[in-house]
Amino acid sequence: MTTRDRLVDDFTAMLAEAEDLLRRAGSETGEKALDLRAQLEDKLLAARQRIKEVEAQTLDRAKAAARATDDYVHDHPWTAIAVAAGVGFVAGLLMNRR
């Protein structure tokens, strides 16, 4: 399972729990309502923290990919030029077909 799939599953589960807590909080009063509100705030805080973690992981991966690409282009400039030209040629052919 990919990180994206896990993230979607996590948020789907958190949203379902949050909806359930909101539904129950609507019918409760007093101390029970305060407890449900605190639980909901905890769930939202956990969701925010999870988003920050995934954002940091994604940023780290993007930076690593950019570094690897930069290193490759510096080590193999003619290969990079040939690949870019080939991709541009194929893209041009595909656009002209329409």
C-alpha atoms as a PDB file:
ATOM      1  CA  MET A   1       0.000   0.000   0.000  1.00  0.00           C
ATOM      2  CA  THR A   2       1.421   3.383  -0.975  1.00  0.00           C
ATOM      3  CA  THR A   3       1.754   6.356   1.332  1.00  0.00           C
ATOM      4  CA  ARG A   4      -1.001   8.102  -0.599  1.00  0.00           C
ATOM      5  CA  ASP A   5      -3.366   5.153  -0.132  1.00  0.00           C
ATOM      6  CA  ARG A   6      -2.587   4.974   3.582  1.00  0.00           C
ATOM      7  CA  LEU A   7      -3.154   8.710   3.912  1.00  0.00           C
ATOM      8  CA  VAL A   8      -6.509   8.493   2.162  1.00  0.00           C
ATOM      9  CA  ASP A   9      -7.534   5.563   4.374  1.00  0.00           C
ATOM     10  CA  ASP A  10      -6.394   7.398   7.515  1.00  0.00           C
ATOM     11  CA  PHE A  11      -8.360  10.515   6.627  1.00  0.00           C
ATOM     12  CA  THR A  12     -11.435   8.556   5.640  1.00  0.00           C
ATOM     13  CA  ALA A  13     -11.372   6.843   9.027  1.00  0.00           C
ATOM     14  CA  MET A  14     -10.732  10.136  10.862  1.00  0.00           C
ATOM     15  CA  LEU A  15     -13.578  11.853   9.039  1.00  0.00           C
ATOM     16  CA  ALA A  16     -15.937   9.007   9.867  1.00  0.00           C
ATOM     17  CA  GLU A  17     -14.941   9.222  13.536  1.00  0.00           C
ATOM     18  CA  ALA A  18     -15.300  13.013  13.520  1.00  0.00           C
ATOM     19  CA  GLU A  19     -18.765  12.773  11.959  1.00  0.00           C
ATOM     20  CA  ASP A  20     -19.775  10.220  14.582  1.00  0.00           C
ATOM     21  CA  LEU A  21     -18.473  12.434  17.389  1.00  0.00           C
ATOM     22  CA  LEU A  22     -20.333  15.447  15.982  1.00  0.00           C
ATOM     23  CA  ARG A  23     -23.532  13.432  15.676  1.00  0.00           C
ATOM     24  CA  ARG A  24     -23.241  12.248  19.273  1.00  0.00           C
ATOM     25  CA  ALA A  25     -22.280  15.711  20.529  1.00  0.00           C
ATOM     26  CA  GLY A  26     -25.462  17.139  19.030  1.00  0.00           C
ATOM     27  CA  SER A  27     -27.601  15.011  21.300  1.00  0.00           C
ATOM     28  CA  GLU A  28     -25.480  15.366  24.443  1.00  0.00           C
ATOM     29  CA  THR A  29     -25.235  18.213  26.924  1.00  0.00           C
ATOM     30  CA  GLY A  30     -23.020  19.188  29.818  1.00  0.00           C
ATOM     31  CA  GLU A  31     -19.957  17.162  30.689  1.00  0.00           C
ATOM     32  CA  LYS A  32     -20.554  14.522  28.004  1.00  0.00           C
ATOM     33  CA  ALA A  33     -20.720  17.184  25.273  1.00  0.00           C
ATOM     34  CA  LEU A  34     -17.461  18.717  26.516  1.00  0.00           C
ATOM     35  CA  ASP A  35     -15.823  15.290  26.478  1.00  0.00           C
ATOM     36  CA  LEU A  36     -16.984  14.638  22.902  1.00  0.00           C
ATOM     37  CA  ARG A  37     -15.728  18.069  21.846  1.00  0.00           C
ATOM     38  CA  ALA A  38     -12.321  17.327  23.384  1.00  0.00           C
ATOM     39  CA  GLN A  39     -12.203  13.999  21.524  1.00  0.00           C
ATOM     40  CA  LEU A  40     -13.013  15.778  18.271  1.00  0.00           C
ATOM     41  CA  GLU A  41     -10.284  18.359  18.880  1.00  0.00           C
ATOM     42  CA  ASP A  42      -7.819  15.524  19.542  1.00  0.00           C
ATOM     43  CA  LYS A  43      -8.788  13.852  16.248  1.00  0.00           C
ATOM     44  CA  LEU A  44      -8.344  17.109  14.342  1.00  0.00           C
ATOM     45  CA  LEU A  45      -4.965  17.712  15.974  1.00  0.00           C
ATOM     46  CA  ALA A  46      -3.878  14.191  15.018  1.00  0.00           C
ATOM     47  CA  ALA A  47      -5.016  14.827  11.441  1.00  0.00           C
ATOM     48  CA  ARG A  48      -3.016  18.076  11.281  1.00  0.00           C
ATOM     49  CA  GLN A  49       0.075  16.327  12.616  1.00  0.00           C
ATOM     50  CA  ARG A  50      -0.320  13.508  10.077  1.00  0.00           C
ATOM     51  CA  ILE A  51      -0.608  16.052   7.252  1.00  0.00           C
ATOM     52  CA  LYS A  52       2.595  17.754   8.426  1.00  0.00           C
ATOM     53  CA  GLU A  53       4.411  14.401   8.568  1.00  0.00           C
ATOM     54  CA  VAL A  54       3.318  13.436   5.066  1.00  0.00           C
ATOM     55  CA  GLU A  55       4.183  16.910   3.794  1.00  0.00           C
ATOM     56  CA  ALA A  56       7.683  16.630   5.273  1.00  0.00           C
ATOM     57  CA  GLN A  57       8.161  13.136   3.791  1.00  0.00           C
ATOM     58  CA  THR A  58       6.970  14.301   0.381  1.00  0.00           C
ATOM     59  CA  LEU A  59       9.241  17.341   0.490  1.00  0.00           C
ATOM     60  CA  ASP A  60      12.212  15.163   1.449  1.00  0.00           C
ATOM     61  CA  ARG A  61      11.483  12.776  -1.441  1.00  0.00           C
ATOM     62  CA  ALA A  62      11.101  15.647  -3.899  1.00  0.00           C
ATOM     63  CA  LYS A  63      14.397  17.170  -2.770  1.00  0.00           C
ATOM     64  CA  ALA A  64      16.148  13.804  -3.066  1.00  0.00           C
ATOM     65  CA  ALA A  65      14.736  13.291  -6.569  1.00  0.00           C
ATOM     66  CA  ALA A  66      15.824  16.793  -7.592  1.00  0.00           C
ATOM     67  CA  ARG A  67      19.328  16.171  -6.212  1.00  0.00           C
ATOM     68  CA  ALA A  68      19.561  12.823  -8.002  1.00  0.00           C
ATOM     69  CA  THR A  69      18.388  14.392 -11.262  1.00  0.00           C
ATOM     70  CA  ASP A  70      20.809  17.278 -10.905  1.00  0.00           C
ATOM     71  CA  ASP A  71      23.691  14.904 -10.180  1.00  0.00           C
ATOM     72  CA  TYR A  72      22.794  12.707 -13.152  1.00  0.00           C
ATOM     73  CA  VAL A  73      22.562  15.665 -15.539  1.00  0.00           C
ATOM     74  CA  HIS A  74      25.928  16.981 -14.354  1.00  0.00           C
ATOM     75  CA  ASP A  75      27.532  13.530 -14.663  1.00  0.00           C
ATOM     76  CA  HIS A  76      25.903  12.681 -18.040  1.00  0.00           C
ATOM     77  CA  PRO A  77      25.051  15.939 -19.844  1.00  0.00           C
ATOM     78  CA  TRP A  78      24.874  14.501 -23.375  1.00  0.00           C
ATOM     79  CA  THR A  79      22.656  11.643 -22.307  1.00  0.00           C
ATOM     80  CA  ALA A  80      20.325  14.109 -20.580  1.00  0.00           C
ATOM     81  CA  ILE A  81      20.204  16.272 -23.712  1.00  0.00           C
ATOM     82  CA  ALA A  82      19.431  13.240 -25.885  1.00  0.00           C
ATOM     83  CA  VAL A  83      16.668  12.057 -23.564  1.00  0.00           C
ATOM     84  CA  ALA A  84      15.135  15.534 -23.399  1.00  0.00           C
ATOM     85  CA  ALA A  85      15.260  15.822 -27.193  1.00  0.00           C
ATOM     86  CA  GLY A  86      13.646  12.396 -27.560  1.00  0.00           C
ATOM     87  CA  VAL A  87      10.863  13.237 -25.139  1.00  0.00           C
ATOM     88  CA  GLY A  88      10.294  16.555 -26.908  1.00  0.00           C
ATOM     89  CA  PHE A  89      10.175  14.812 -30.288  1.00  0.00           C
ATOM     90  CA  VAL A  90       7.641  12.231 -29.090  1.00  0.00           C
ATOM     91  CA  ALA A  91       5.532  14.929 -27.418  1.00  0.00           C
ATOM     92  CA  GLY A  92       5.588  16.926 -30.658  1.00  0.00           C
ATOM     93  CA  LEU A  93       4.482  13.901 -32.653  1.00  0.00           C
ATOM     94  CA  LEU A  94       1.646  13.206 -30.241  1.00  0.00           C
ATOM     95  CA  MET A  95       0.451  16.820 -30.359  1.00  0.00           C
ATOM     96  CA  ASN A  96       0.516  16.875 -34.161  1.00  0.00           C
ATOM     97  CA  ARG A  97      -1.687  13.780 -34.364  1.00  0.00           C
ATOM     98  CA  ARG A  98      -4.659  15.720 -33.046  1.00  0.00           C
END
